[in-house]
Amino acid sequence: MTGLETLGFVPVFARETFPVPNRFVSTKLQLKGEFSGVSIELPAGAWPAHVTEGPSLTVFELPISWRRTGQDVAGKAVKFGPDGIEFDVPITISVPVDPNTDLALSSSCL
């Protein structure tokens, strides 16, 4: 999986690559099904004109070796692509967290 090679083999639960967004229209991109709460909202003018690769969202499991000893991760990991992109205006990223998760114990692992 592009962008996850350094992690070794990791289970991927959802992946979507979207077309290059129209710079003149606000757009919400989100996964389907179980992970439909994972989304990116791009206001008009946010997508850099020089970027010809569309955005992607990937939900995957972090390997145990990447977790800190004695602490848990709050849930699945999310990778947003393409790497290194700088938006022209602020965007909104949504990643739902189970309200029963004790974030005080897991936030240092995110």
PDB file of N, CA and C in Angstrom:
ATOM      1  N   MET A   1       0.843  -1.171   0.000  1.00  0.00           N
ATOM      2  CA  MET A   1       0.000   0.000   0.000  1.00  0.00           C
ATOM      3  C   MET A   1       0.889   1.234   0.000  1.00  0.00           C
ATOM      4  N   THR A   2       0.742   2.083  -0.970  1.00  0.00           N
ATOM      5  CA  THR A   2       1.550   3.285  -1.094  1.00  0.00           C
ATOM      6  C   THR A   2       1.434   4.144   0.152  1.00  0.00           C
ATOM      7  N   GLY A   3       2.579   4.536   0.687  1.00  0.00           N
ATOM      8  CA  GLY A   3       2.616   5.383   1.864  1.00  0.00           C
ATOM      9  C   GLY A   3       2.639   4.633   3.181  1.00  0.00           C
ATOM     10  N   LEU A   4       2.418   3.322   3.141  1.00  0.00           N
ATOM     11  CA  LEU A   4       2.420   2.530   4.371  1.00  0.00           C
ATOM     12  C   LEU A   4       3.573   1.518   4.382  1.00  0.00           C
ATOM     13  N   GLU A   5       4.462   1.588   3.406  1.00  0.00           N
ATOM     14  CA  GLU A   5       5.533   0.594   3.276  1.00  0.00           C
ATOM     15  C   GLU A   5       6.404   0.488   4.520  1.00  0.00           C
ATOM     16  N   THR A   6       6.663   1.599   5.181  1.00  0.00           N
ATOM     17  CA  THR A   6       7.542   1.570   6.353  1.00  0.00           C
ATOM     18  C   THR A   6       6.941   0.816   7.532  1.00  0.00           C
ATOM     19  N   LEU A   7       5.635   0.548   7.475  1.00  0.00           N
ATOM     20  CA  LEU A   7       4.965  -0.162   8.562  1.00  0.00           C
ATOM     21  C   LEU A   7       5.008  -1.671   8.393  1.00  0.00           C
ATOM     22  N   GLY A   8       5.424  -2.142   7.220  1.00  0.00           N
ATOM     23  CA  GLY A   8       5.366  -3.578   6.940  1.00  0.00           C
ATOM     24  C   GLY A   8       3.950  -3.951   6.532  1.00  0.00           C
ATOM     25  N   PHE A   9       3.559  -5.191   6.790  1.00  0.00           N
ATOM     26  CA  PHE A   9       2.203  -5.637   6.446  1.00  0.00           C
ATOM     27  C   PHE A   9       1.220  -5.088   7.469  1.00  0.00           C
ATOM     28  N   VAL A  10       0.237  -4.360   7.011  1.00  0.00           N
ATOM     29  CA  VAL A  10      -0.816  -3.862   7.898  1.00  0.00           C
ATOM     30  C   VAL A  10      -2.169  -4.128   7.249  1.00  0.00           C
ATOM     31  N   PRO A  11      -3.161  -4.535   8.041  1.00  0.00           N
ATOM     32  CA  PRO A  11      -4.504  -4.700   7.486  1.00  0.00           C
ATOM     33  C   PRO A  11      -5.099  -3.341   7.104  1.00  0.00           C
ATOM     34  N   VAL A  12      -5.639  -3.267   5.901  1.00  0.00           N
ATOM     35  CA  VAL A  12      -6.311  -2.055   5.433  1.00  0.00           C
ATOM     36  C   VAL A  12      -7.802  -2.339   5.429  1.00  0.00           C
ATOM     37  N   PHE A  13      -8.581  -1.488   6.090  1.00  0.00           N
ATOM     38  CA  PHE A  13     -10.020  -1.698   6.238  1.00  0.00           C
ATOM     39  C   PHE A  13     -10.832  -0.923   5.211  1.00  0.00           C
ATOM     40  N   ALA A  14     -10.318   0.207   4.768  1.00  0.00           N
ATOM     41  CA  ALA A  14     -11.014   1.020   3.768  1.00  0.00           C
ATOM     42  C   ALA A  14      -9.997   1.899   3.069  1.00  0.00           C
ATOM     43  N   ARG A  15     -10.207   2.087   1.774  1.00  0.00           N
ATOM     44  CA  ARG A  15      -9.327   2.980   0.999  1.00  0.00           C
ATOM     45  C   ARG A  15     -10.128   3.555  -0.149  1.00  0.00           C
ATOM     46  N   GLU A  16      -9.973   4.845  -0.338  1.00  0.00           N
ATOM     47  CA  GLU A  16     -10.645   5.517  -1.450  1.00  0.00           C
ATOM     48  C   GLU A  16      -9.703   6.585  -1.999  1.00  0.00           C
ATOM     49  N   THR A  17      -9.555   6.603  -3.313  1.00  0.00           N
ATOM     50  CA  THR A  17      -8.818   7.661  -3.994  1.00  0.00           C
ATOM     51  C   THR A  17      -9.839   8.440  -4.810  1.00  0.00           C
ATOM     52  N   PHE A  18      -9.831   9.735  -4.665  1.00  0.00           N
ATOM     53  CA  PHE A  18     -10.813  10.600  -5.295  1.00  0.00           C
ATOM     54  C   PHE A  18     -10.181  11.357  -6.468  1.00  0.00           C
ATOM     55  N   PRO A  19     -11.007  11.784  -7.425  1.00  0.00           N
ATOM     56  CA  PRO A  19     -10.478  12.626  -8.506  1.00  0.00           C
ATOM     57  C   PRO A  19     -10.021  13.974  -7.954  1.00  0.00           C
ATOM     58  N   VAL A  20      -9.203  14.656  -8.719  1.00  0.00           N
ATOM     59  CA  VAL A  20      -8.744  15.986  -8.321  1.00  0.00           C
ATOM     60  C   VAL A  20      -9.973  16.883  -8.130  1.00  0.00           C
ATOM     61  N   PRO A  21     -10.109  17.498  -6.955  1.00  0.00           N
ATOM     62  CA  PRO A  21     -11.284  18.339  -6.692  1.00  0.00           C
ATOM     63  C   PRO A  21     -11.313  19.599  -7.563  1.00  0.00           C
ATOM     64  N   ASN A  22     -12.496  20.048  -7.862  1.00  0.00           N
ATOM     65  CA  ASN A  22     -12.700  21.305  -8.564  1.00  0.00           C
ATOM     66  C   ASN A  22     -12.359  22.433  -7.596  1.00  0.00           C
ATOM     67  N   ARG A  23     -11.432  23.277  -7.955  1.00  0.00           N
ATOM     68  CA  ARG A  23     -10.992  24.361  -7.063  1.00  0.00           C
ATOM     69  C   ARG A  23     -12.067  25.414  -6.810  1.00  0.00           C
ATOM     70  N   PHE A  24     -13.096  25.448  -7.639  1.00  0.00           N
ATOM     71  CA  PHE A  24     -14.079  26.527  -7.555  1.00  0.00           C
ATOM     72  C   PHE A  24     -15.351  26.119  -6.817  1.00  0.00           C
ATOM     73  N   VAL A  25     -15.375  24.889  -6.297  1.00  0.00           N
ATOM     74  CA  VAL A  25     -16.564  24.362  -5.632  1.00  0.00           C
ATOM     75  C   VAL A  25     -16.161  23.744  -4.295  1.00  0.00           C
ATOM     76  N   SER A  26     -16.923  23.967  -3.247  1.00  0.00           N
ATOM     77  CA  SER A  26     -16.694  23.284  -1.967  1.00  0.00           C
ATOM     78  C   SER A  26     -17.030  21.807  -2.149  1.00  0.00           C
ATOM     79  N   THR A  27     -16.209  20.942  -1.558  1.00  0.00           N
ATOM     80  CA  THR A  27     -16.367  19.508  -1.749  1.00  0.00           C
ATOM     81  C   THR A  27     -16.170  18.777  -0.429  1.00  0.00           C
ATOM     82  N   LYS A  28     -17.007  17.767  -0.177  1.00  0.00           N
ATOM     83  CA  LYS A  28     -16.801  16.885   0.970  1.00  0.00           C
ATOM     84  C   LYS A  28     -16.502  15.496   0.415  1.00  0.00           C
ATOM     85  N   LEU A  29     -15.368  14.952   0.816  1.00  0.00           N
ATOM     86  CA  LEU A  29     -14.945  13.617   0.393  1.00  0.00           C
ATOM     87  C   LEU A  29     -14.984  12.711   1.608  1.00  0.00           C
ATOM     88  N   GLN A  30     -15.652  11.566   1.487  1.00  0.00           N
ATOM     89  CA  GLN A  30     -15.720  10.680   2.642  1.00  0.00           C
ATOM     90  C   GLN A  30     -15.738   9.228   2.201  1.00  0.00           C
ATOM     91  N   LEU A  31     -15.317   8.384   3.141  1.00  0.00           N
ATOM     92  CA  LEU A  31     -15.349   6.954   2.898  1.00  0.00           C
ATOM     93  C   LEU A  31     -16.787   6.457   2.971  1.00  0.00           C
ATOM     94  N   LYS A  32     -16.998   5.245   2.497  1.00  0.00           N
ATOM     95  CA  LYS A  32     -18.327   4.642   2.521  1.00  0.00           C
ATOM     96  C   LYS A  32     -18.398   3.592   3.625  1.00  0.00           C
ATOM     97  N   GLY A  33     -19.610   3.214   3.969  1.00  0.00           N
ATOM     98  CA  GLY A  33     -19.831   2.109   4.901  1.00  0.00           C
ATOM     99  C   GLY A  33     -19.417   2.420   6.319  1.00  0.00           C
ATOM    100  N   GLU A  34     -18.792   1.437   6.943  1.00  0.00           N
ATOM    101  CA  GLU A  34     -18.422   1.518   8.358  1.00  0.00           C
ATOM    102  C   GLU A  34     -17.585   2.755   8.701  1.00  0.00           C
ATOM    103  N   PHE A  35     -16.787   3.221   7.756  1.00  0.00           N
ATOM    104  CA  PHE A  35     -15.883   4.345   8.021  1.00  0.00           C
ATOM    105  C   PHE A  35     -16.354   5.636   7.355  1.00  0.00           C
ATOM    106  N   SER A  36     -17.667   5.771   7.158  1.00  0.00           N
ATOM    107  CA  SER A  36     -18.214   6.946   6.483  1.00  0.00           C
ATOM    108  C   SER A  36     -18.029   8.235   7.283  1.00  0.00           C
ATOM    109  N   GLY A  37     -17.678   8.138   8.542  1.00  0.00           N
ATOM    110  CA  GLY A  37     -17.414   9.327   9.350  1.00  0.00           C
ATOM    111  C   GLY A  37     -16.058   9.946   9.084  1.00  0.00           C
ATOM    112  N   VAL A  38     -15.191   9.229   8.365  1.00  0.00           N
ATOM    113  CA  VAL A  38     -13.875   9.757   8.008  1.00  0.00           C
ATOM    114  C   VAL A  38     -14.051  10.605   6.752  1.00  0.00           C
ATOM    115  N   SER A  39     -13.754  11.902   6.863  1.00  0.00           N
ATOM    116  CA  SER A  39     -13.985  12.780   5.719  1.00  0.00           C
ATOM    117  C   SER A  39     -13.023  13.964   5.704  1.00  0.00           C
ATOM    118  N   ILE A  40     -12.957  14.587   4.529  1.00  0.00           N
ATOM    119  CA  ILE A  40     -12.222  15.831   4.326  1.00  0.00           C
ATOM    120  C   ILE A  40     -13.198  16.797   3.678  1.00  0.00           C
ATOM    121  N   GLU A  41     -13.314  17.999   4.228  1.00  0.00           N
ATOM    122  CA  GLU A  41     -14.128  19.039   3.609  1.00  0.00           C
ATOM    123  C   GLU A  41     -13.199  20.104   3.055  1.00  0.00           C
ATOM    124  N   LEU A  42     -13.304  20.310   1.748  1.00  0.00           N
ATOM    125  CA  LEU A  42     -12.457  21.268   1.050  1.00  0.00           C
ATOM    126  C   LEU A  42     -13.304  22.460   0.611  1.00  0.00           C
ATOM    127  N   PRO A  43     -13.095  23.631   1.198  1.00  0.00           N
ATOM    128  CA  PRO A  43     -13.817  24.798   0.705  1.00  0.00           C
ATOM    129  C   PRO A  43     -13.296  25.186  -0.680  1.00  0.00           C
ATOM    130  N   ALA A  44     -14.074  25.959  -1.405  1.00  0.00           N
ATOM    131  CA  ALA A  44     -13.625  26.439  -2.712  1.00  0.00           C
ATOM    132  C   ALA A  44     -12.257  27.104  -2.555  1.00  0.00           C
ATOM    133  N   GLY A  45     -11.354  26.808  -3.464  1.00  0.00           N
ATOM    134  CA  GLY A  45     -10.021  27.404  -3.449  1.00  0.00           C
ATOM    135  C   GLY A  45      -9.010  26.685  -2.585  1.00  0.00           C
ATOM    136  N   ALA A  46      -9.393  25.612  -1.900  1.00  0.00           N
ATOM    137  CA  ALA A  46      -8.470  24.924  -0.992  1.00  0.00           C
ATOM    138  C   ALA A  46      -7.457  24.056  -1.734  1.00  0.00           C
ATOM    139  N   TRP A  47      -7.908  23.344  -2.780  1.00  0.00           N
ATOM    140  CA  TRP A  47      -7.013  22.399  -3.453  1.00  0.00           C
ATOM    141  C   TRP A  47      -5.985  23.170  -4.279  1.00  0.00           C
ATOM    142  N   PRO A  48      -4.685  22.921  -4.047  1.00  0.00           N
ATOM    143  CA  PRO A  48      -3.646  23.647  -4.777  1.00  0.00           C
ATOM    144  C   PRO A  48      -3.730  23.368  -6.285  1.00  0.00           C
ATOM    145  N   ALA A  49      -3.660  24.416  -7.081  1.00  0.00           N
ATOM    146  CA  ALA A  49      -3.805  24.296  -8.534  1.00  0.00           C
ATOM    147  C   ALA A  49      -2.731  23.409  -9.158  1.00  0.00           C
ATOM    148  N   HIS A  50      -1.540  23.353  -8.571  1.00  0.00           N
ATOM    149  CA  HIS A  50      -0.439  22.586  -9.165  1.00  0.00           C
ATOM    150  C   HIS A  50      -0.498  21.087  -8.834  1.00  0.00           C
ATOM    151  N   VAL A  51      -1.382  20.649  -7.942  1.00  0.00           N
ATOM    152  CA  VAL A  51      -1.453  19.237  -7.542  1.00  0.00           C
ATOM    153  C   VAL A  51      -2.389  18.502  -8.495  1.00  0.00           C
ATOM    154  N   THR A  52      -1.829  17.540  -9.207  1.00  0.00           N
ATOM    155  CA  THR A  52      -2.603  16.803 -10.218  1.00  0.00           C
ATOM    156  C   THR A  52      -3.043  15.428  -9.745  1.00  0.00           C
ATOM    157  N   GLU A  53      -2.666  15.062  -8.538  1.00  0.00           N
ATOM    158  CA  GLU A  53      -3.092  13.788  -7.935  1.00  0.00           C
ATOM    159  C   GLU A  53      -4.259  14.080  -6.999  1.00  0.00           C
ATOM    160  N   GLY A  54      -5.309  13.258  -7.076  1.00  0.00           N
ATOM    161  CA  GLY A  54      -6.462  13.446  -6.206  1.00  0.00           C
ATOM    162  C   GLY A  54      -6.196  13.004  -4.783  1.00  0.00           C
ATOM    163  N   PRO A  55      -7.012  13.449  -3.850  1.00  0.00           N
ATOM    164  CA  PRO A  55      -6.854  13.059  -2.454  1.00  0.00           C
ATOM    165  C   PRO A  55      -7.221  11.594  -2.228  1.00  0.00           C
ATOM    166  N   SER A  56      -6.682  11.038  -1.146  1.00  0.00           N
ATOM    167  CA  SER A  56      -7.007   9.659  -0.776  1.00  0.00           C
ATOM    168  C   SER A  56      -7.177   9.570   0.729  1.00  0.00           C
ATOM    169  N   LEU A  57      -7.974   8.598   1.148  1.00  0.00           N
ATOM    170  CA  LEU A  57      -8.198   8.296   2.562  1.00  0.00           C
ATOM    171  C   LEU A  57      -7.992   6.802   2.741  1.00  0.00           C
ATOM    172  N   THR A  58      -7.209   6.415   3.729  1.00  0.00           N
ATOM    173  CA  THR A  58      -6.958   5.005   4.015  1.00  0.00           C
ATOM    174  C   THR A  58      -7.115   4.770   5.511  1.00  0.00           C
ATOM    175  N   VAL A  59      -7.901   3.769   5.888  1.00  0.00           N
ATOM    176  CA  VAL A  59      -8.052   3.368   7.289  1.00  0.00           C
ATOM    177  C   VAL A  59      -7.338   2.040   7.444  1.00  0.00           C
ATOM    178  N   PHE A  60      -6.426   1.962   8.418  1.00  0.00           N
ATOM    179  CA  PHE A  60      -5.625   0.754   8.589  1.00  0.00           C
ATOM    180  C   PHE A  60      -5.315   0.531  10.063  1.00  0.00           C
ATOM    181  N   GLU A  61      -4.785  -0.633  10.357  1.00  0.00           N
ATOM    182  CA  GLU A  61      -4.396  -0.996  11.728  1.00  0.00           C
ATOM    183  C   GLU A  61      -2.914  -0.715  11.906  1.00  0.00           C
ATOM    184  N   LEU A  62      -2.572   0.049  12.936  1.00  0.00           N
ATOM    185  CA  LEU A  62      -1.154   0.265  13.238  1.00  0.00           C
ATOM    186  C   LEU A  62      -0.546  -1.025  13.769  1.00  0.00           C
ATOM    187  N   PRO A  63       0.670  -1.359  13.338  1.00  0.00           N
ATOM    188  CA  PRO A  63       1.315  -2.552  13.893  1.00  0.00           C
ATOM    189  C   PRO A  63       1.592  -2.376  15.387  1.00  0.00           C
ATOM    190  N   ILE A  64       1.585  -3.458  16.102  1.00  0.00           N
ATOM    191  CA  ILE A  64       1.844  -3.414  17.551  1.00  0.00           C
ATOM    192  C   ILE A  64       3.185  -2.754  17.839  1.00  0.00           C
ATOM    193  N   SER A  65       4.175  -2.951  16.976  1.00  0.00           N
ATOM    194  CA  SER A  65       5.501  -2.370  17.196  1.00  0.00           C
ATOM    195  C   SER A  65       5.480  -0.839  17.185  1.00  0.00           C
ATOM    196  N   TRP A  66       4.453  -0.221  16.622  1.00  0.00           N
ATOM    197  CA  TRP A  66       4.356   1.234  16.576  1.00  0.00           C
ATOM    198  C   TRP A  66       3.592   1.799  17.764  1.00  0.00           C
ATOM    199  N   ARG A  67       3.036   0.943  18.575  1.00  0.00           N
ATOM    200  CA  ARG A  67       2.294   1.402  19.752  1.00  0.00           C
ATOM    201  C   ARG A  67       3.244   1.468  20.938  1.00  0.00           C
ATOM    202  N   ARG A  68       3.005   2.393  21.811  1.00  0.00           N
ATOM    203  CA  ARG A  68       3.867   2.510  22.992  1.00  0.00           C
ATOM    204  C   ARG A  68       3.503   1.452  24.010  1.00  0.00           C
ATOM    205  N   THR A  69       4.495   0.932  24.704  1.00  0.00           N
ATOM    206  CA  THR A  69       4.295  -0.106  25.712  1.00  0.00           C
ATOM    207  C   THR A  69       3.345   0.370  26.797  1.00  0.00           C
ATOM    208  N   GLY A  70       2.363  -0.475  27.110  1.00  0.00           N
ATOM    209  CA  GLY A  70       1.447  -0.188  28.197  1.00  0.00           C
ATOM    210  C   GLY A  70       0.311   0.745  27.845  1.00  0.00           C
ATOM    211  N   GLN A  71       0.258   1.219  26.608  1.00  0.00           N
ATOM    212  CA  GLN A  71      -0.818   2.117  26.215  1.00  0.00           C
ATOM    213  C   GLN A  71      -1.484   1.594  24.952  1.00  0.00           C
ATOM    214  N   ASP A  72      -2.723   1.943  24.774  1.00  0.00           N
ATOM    215  CA  ASP A  72      -3.485   1.528  23.614  1.00  0.00           C
ATOM    216  C   ASP A  72      -3.626   2.680  22.640  1.00  0.00           C
ATOM    217  N   VAL A  73      -3.980   2.356  21.427  1.00  0.00           N
ATOM    218  CA  VAL A  73      -4.310   3.351  20.420  1.00  0.00           C
ATOM    219  C   VAL A  73      -5.818   3.537  20.467  1.00  0.00           C
ATOM    220  N   ALA A  74      -6.301   4.757  20.234  1.00  0.00           N
ATOM    221  CA  ALA A  74      -7.724   5.054  20.349  1.00  0.00           C
ATOM    222  C   ALA A  74      -8.555   4.335  19.302  1.00  0.00           C
ATOM    223  N   GLY A  75      -7.959   3.811  18.279  1.00  0.00           N
ATOM    224  CA  GLY A  75      -8.707   3.107  17.236  1.00  0.00           C
ATOM    225  C   GLY A  75      -7.827   2.863  16.025  1.00  0.00           C
ATOM    226  N   LYS A  76      -8.449   2.749  14.896  1.00  0.00           N
ATOM    227  CA  LYS A  76      -7.731   2.544  13.642  1.00  0.00           C
ATOM    228  C   LYS A  76      -6.955   3.816  13.292  1.00  0.00           C
ATOM    229  N   ALA A  77      -5.948   3.660  12.472  1.00  0.00           N
ATOM    230  CA  ALA A  77      -5.180   4.803  11.991  1.00  0.00           C
ATOM    231  C   ALA A  77      -5.755   5.256  10.653  1.00  0.00           C
ATOM    232  N   VAL A  78      -5.572   6.528  10.341  1.00  0.00           N
ATOM    233  CA  VAL A  78      -6.051   7.085   9.082  1.00  0.00           C
ATOM    234  C   VAL A  78      -4.894   7.803   8.395  1.00  0.00           C
ATOM    235  N   LYS A  79      -4.705   7.497   7.123  1.00  0.00           N
ATOM    236  CA  LYS A  79      -3.697   8.188   6.313  1.00  0.00           C
ATOM    237  C   LYS A  79      -4.426   9.009   5.267  1.00  0.00           C
ATOM    238  N   PHE A  80      -4.070  10.280   5.203  1.00  0.00           N
ATOM    239  CA  PHE A  80      -4.624  11.185   4.211  1.00  0.00           C
ATOM    240  C   PHE A  80      -3.544  11.444   3.168  1.00  0.00           C
ATOM    241  N   GLY A  81      -3.900  11.424   1.916  1.00  0.00           N
ATOM    242  CA  GLY A  81      -2.925  11.654   0.853  1.00  0.00           C
ATOM    243  C   GLY A  81      -3.446  12.705  -0.110  1.00  0.00           C
ATOM    244  N   PRO A  82      -2.592  13.166  -0.983  1.00  0.00           N
ATOM    245  CA  PRO A  82      -1.193  12.782  -1.150  1.00  0.00           C
ATOM    246  C   PRO A  82      -0.298  13.421  -0.088  1.00  0.00           C
ATOM    247  N   ASP A  83       0.849  12.797   0.127  1.00  0.00           N
ATOM    248  CA  ASP A  83       1.806  13.293   1.120  1.00  0.00           C
ATOM    249  C   ASP A  83       2.318  14.682   0.730  1.00  0.00           C
ATOM    250  N   GLY A  84       2.571  15.494   1.736  1.00  0.00           N
ATOM    251  CA  GLY A  84       3.225  16.782   1.546  1.00  0.00           C
ATOM    252  C   GLY A  84       2.360  17.898   0.993  1.00  0.00           C
ATOM    253  N   ILE A  85       1.075  17.669   0.863  1.00  0.00           N
ATOM    254  CA  ILE A  85       0.208  18.698   0.283  1.00  0.00           C
ATOM    255  C   ILE A  85       0.021  19.853   1.255  1.00  0.00           C
ATOM    256  N   GLU A  86       0.009  21.064   0.733  1.00  0.00           N
ATOM    257  CA  GLU A  86      -0.273  22.262   1.519  1.00  0.00           C
ATOM    258  C   GLU A  86      -1.474  22.943   0.879  1.00  0.00           C
ATOM    259  N   PHE A  87      -2.544  23.058   1.648  1.00  0.00           N
ATOM    260  CA  PHE A  87      -3.785  23.619   1.125  1.00  0.00           C
ATOM    261  C   PHE A  87      -3.701  25.133   1.057  1.00  0.00           C
ATOM    262  N   ASP A  88      -4.414  25.701   0.090  1.00  0.00           N
ATOM    263  CA  ASP A  88      -4.400  27.148  -0.097  1.00  0.00           C
ATOM    264  C   ASP A  88      -5.278  27.875   0.912  1.00  0.00           C
ATOM    265  N   VAL A  89      -6.287  27.203   1.468  1.00  0.00           N
ATOM    266  CA  VAL A  89      -7.118  27.735   2.551  1.00  0.00           C
ATOM    267  C   VAL A  89      -7.368  26.585   3.526  1.00  0.00           C
ATOM    268  N   PRO A  90      -7.718  26.861   4.777  1.00  0.00           N
ATOM    269  CA  PRO A  90      -7.930  25.784   5.756  1.00  0.00           C
ATOM    270  C   PRO A  90      -9.030  24.810   5.313  1.00  0.00           C
ATOM    271  N   ILE A  91      -8.828  23.548   5.663  1.00  0.00           N
ATOM    272  CA  ILE A  91      -9.797  22.490   5.384  1.00  0.00           C
ATOM    273  C   ILE A  91     -10.274  21.899   6.706  1.00  0.00           C
ATOM    274  N   THR A  92     -11.281  21.024   6.628  1.00  0.00           N
ATOM    275  CA  THR A  92     -11.776  20.335   7.826  1.00  0.00           C
ATOM    276  C   THR A  92     -11.599  18.834   7.624  1.00  0.00           C
ATOM    277  N   ILE A  93     -10.967  18.182   8.589  1.00  0.00           N
ATOM    278  CA  ILE A  93     -10.793  16.729   8.579  1.00  0.00           C
ATOM    279  C   ILE A  93     -11.628  16.178   9.729  1.00  0.00           C
ATOM    280  N   SER A  94     -12.437  15.157   9.438  1.00  0.00           N
ATOM    281  CA  SER A  94     -13.268  14.535  10.477  1.00  0.00           C
ATOM    282  C   SER A  94     -12.867  13.074  10.645  1.00  0.00           C
ATOM    283  N   VAL A  95     -12.587  12.712  11.879  1.00  0.00           N
ATOM    284  CA  VAL A  95     -12.271  11.324  12.228  1.00  0.00           C
ATOM    285  C   VAL A  95     -13.013  11.026  13.524  1.00  0.00           C
ATOM    286  N   PRO A  96     -14.090  10.236  13.446  1.00  0.00           N
ATOM    287  CA  PRO A  96     -14.872   9.972  14.656  1.00  0.00           C
ATOM    288  C   PRO A  96     -14.105   9.104  15.661  1.00  0.00           C
ATOM    289  N   VAL A  97     -14.370   9.352  16.917  1.00  0.00           N
ATOM    290  CA  VAL A  97     -13.776   8.567  17.999  1.00  0.00           C
ATOM    291  C   VAL A  97     -14.913   8.061  18.873  1.00  0.00           C
ATOM    292  N   ASP A  98     -14.850   6.800  19.248  1.00  0.00           N
ATOM    293  CA  ASP A  98     -15.855   6.208  20.128  1.00  0.00           C
ATOM    294  C   ASP A  98     -15.939   7.042  21.404  1.00  0.00           C
ATOM    295  N   PRO A  99     -17.137   7.522  21.783  1.00  0.00           N
ATOM    296  CA  PRO A  99     -17.252   8.372  22.970  1.00  0.00           C
ATOM    297  C   PRO A  99     -16.848   7.665  24.265  1.00  0.00           C
ATOM    298  N   ASN A 100     -16.741   6.354  24.246  1.00  0.00           N
ATOM    299  CA  ASN A 100     -16.331   5.606  25.439  1.00  0.00           C
ATOM    300  C   ASN A 100     -14.817   5.443  25.535  1.00  0.00           C
ATOM    301  N   THR A 101     -14.082   5.932  24.553  1.00  0.00           N
ATOM    302  CA  THR A 101     -12.627   5.821  24.559  1.00  0.00           C
ATOM    303  C   THR A 101     -12.037   6.787  25.574  1.00  0.00           C
ATOM    304  N   ASP A 102     -11.120   6.305  26.403  1.00  0.00           N
ATOM    305  CA  ASP A 102     -10.433   7.142  27.373  1.00  0.00           C
ATOM    306  C   ASP A 102      -9.255   7.799  26.660  1.00  0.00           C
ATOM    307  N   LEU A 103      -9.469   8.985  26.126  1.00  0.00           N
ATOM    308  CA  LEU A 103      -8.442   9.667  25.350  1.00  0.00           C
ATOM    309  C   LEU A 103      -7.256  10.091  26.201  1.00  0.00           C
ATOM    310  N   ALA A 104      -7.425  10.217  27.495  1.00  0.00           N
ATOM    311  CA  ALA A 104      -6.296  10.579  28.359  1.00  0.00           C
ATOM    312  C   ALA A 104      -5.228   9.495  28.327  1.00  0.00           C
ATOM    313  N   LEU A 105      -5.637   8.246  28.129  1.00  0.00           N
ATOM    314  CA  LEU A 105      -4.683   7.148  28.080  1.00  0.00           C
ATOM    315  C   LEU A 105      -4.144   6.908  26.679  1.00  0.00           C
ATOM    316  N   SER A 106      -4.876   7.257  25.644  1.00  0.00           N
ATOM    317  CA  SER A 106      -4.476   6.896  24.300  1.00  0.00           C
ATOM    318  C   SER A 106      -3.949   8.040  23.450  1.00  0.00           C
ATOM    319  N   SER A 107      -4.151   9.280  23.833  1.00  0.00           N
ATOM    320  CA  SER A 107      -3.818  10.387  22.952  1.00  0.00           C
ATOM    321  C   SER A 107      -2.327  10.481  22.657  1.00  0.00           C
ATOM    322  N   SER A 108      -1.476  10.022  23.543  1.00  0.00           N
ATOM    323  CA  SER A 108      -0.049  10.114  23.293  1.00  0.00           C
ATOM    324  C   SER A 108       0.424   9.126  22.222  1.00  0.00           C
ATOM    325  N   CYS A 109      -0.445   8.223  21.829  1.00  0.00           N
ATOM    326  CA  CYS A 109      -0.063   7.227  20.823  1.00  0.00           C
ATOM    327  C   CYS A 109      -0.582   7.591  19.439  1.00  0.00           C
ATOM    328  N   LEU A 110      -1.368   8.624  19.324  1.00  0.00           N
ATOM    329  CA  LEU A 110      -1.957   8.978  18.033  1.00  0.00           C
ATOM    330  C   LEU A 110      -0.979   9.652  17.130  1.00  0.00           C
TER     331      LEU A 110
END
